[in-house]
């Protein structure tokens, strides 16, 4: 009985990864920059400074898509 709930949740996540492939970066919290620990300066986050990171579901989809070509 619980399998259909898991299927619905998985389906909704797939739709979310299709519509919104990026999420807020967890390191910089979406700001795109981090405060330097030694000075009062800022540095660019590892997300490239845009504050976005690709969702893991979308990353898996891209890997599978490339492997099937």
Protein backbone atom coordinates (compact mmCIF):
# COMPACT_ATOMS: atom_id res chain seq x y z
CA UNK A 1 0.00 0.00 0.00
CA UNK A 2 2.89 2.37 0.73
CA UNK A 3 4.46 1.74 -2.69
CA UNK A 4 2.05 4.05 -4.46
CA UNK A 5 2.92 6.87 -2.04
CA UNK A 6 6.60 6.39 -2.81
CA UNK A 7 5.76 6.39 -6.53
CA UNK A 8 3.82 9.64 -6.22
CA UNK A 9 6.65 11.31 -4.27
CA UNK A 10 9.21 10.11 -6.83
CA UNK A 11 7.04 11.34 -9.68
CA UNK A 12 6.68 14.77 -8.08
CA UNK A 13 10.45 14.97 -7.58
CA UNK A 14 11.02 14.11 -11.24
CA UNK A 15 8.63 16.89 -12.26
CA UNK A 16 10.43 19.29 -9.91
CA UNK A 17 13.82 18.36 -11.39
CA UNK A 18 12.43 18.94 -14.88
CA UNK A 19 10.89 22.35 -14.16
CA UNK A 20 13.46 23.64 -11.64
CA UNK A 21 16.80 21.86 -12.25
CA UNK A 22 18.66 24.15 -9.84
CA UNK A 23 18.34 24.58 -6.09
CA UNK A 24 19.76 27.13 -3.67
CA UNK A 25 23.44 26.51 -2.94
CA UNK A 26 23.89 25.03 0.52
CA UNK A 27 27.33 26.52 1.05
CA UNK A 28 26.56 30.20 0.47
CA UNK A 29 22.79 29.92 1.12
CA UNK A 30 22.05 31.35 -2.32
CA UNK A 31 24.09 34.53 -1.96
CA UNK A 32 26.89 33.50 -4.30
CA UNK A 33 29.59 34.78 -2.00
CA UNK A 34 31.22 33.90 1.31
CA UNK A 35 32.81 36.07 3.96
CA UNK A 36 36.53 35.57 4.24
CA UNK A 37 37.45 34.14 7.65
CA UNK A 38 40.60 36.25 8.03
CA UNK A 39 39.58 39.62 6.61
CA UNK A 40 36.42 41.58 6.06
CA UNK A 41 36.45 40.76 2.35
CA UNK A 42 34.19 38.52 0.31
CA UNK A 43 35.09 35.66 -1.98
CA UNK A 44 33.12 33.89 -4.69
CA UNK A 45 31.47 30.63 -3.65
CA UNK A 46 32.28 27.33 -5.35
CA UNK A 47 28.85 27.46 -7.04
CA UNK A 48 30.33 30.02 -9.42
CA UNK A 49 28.86 33.04 -7.70
CA UNK A 50 25.30 32.58 -8.93
CA UNK A 51 23.99 30.97 -5.71
CA UNK A 52 22.60 27.93 -7.51
CA UNK A 53 23.53 24.26 -7.49
CA UNK A 54 22.12 21.53 -9.71
CA UNK A 55 19.76 19.05 -8.03
CA UNK A 56 21.13 15.52 -7.66
CA UNK A 57 18.13 14.07 -9.50
CA UNK A 58 18.83 16.30 -12.49
CA UNK A 59 22.51 15.34 -12.37
CA UNK A 60 21.59 11.64 -12.46
CA UNK A 61 19.21 12.30 -15.37
CA UNK A 62 21.97 14.04 -17.37
CA UNK A 63 24.42 11.18 -16.75
CA UNK A 64 21.88 8.59 -17.88
CA UNK A 65 20.95 10.66 -20.92
CA UNK A 66 24.58 10.98 -22.01
CA UNK A 67 25.21 7.25 -21.46
CA UNK A 68 22.28 6.38 -23.73
CA UNK A 69 23.58 8.38 -26.70
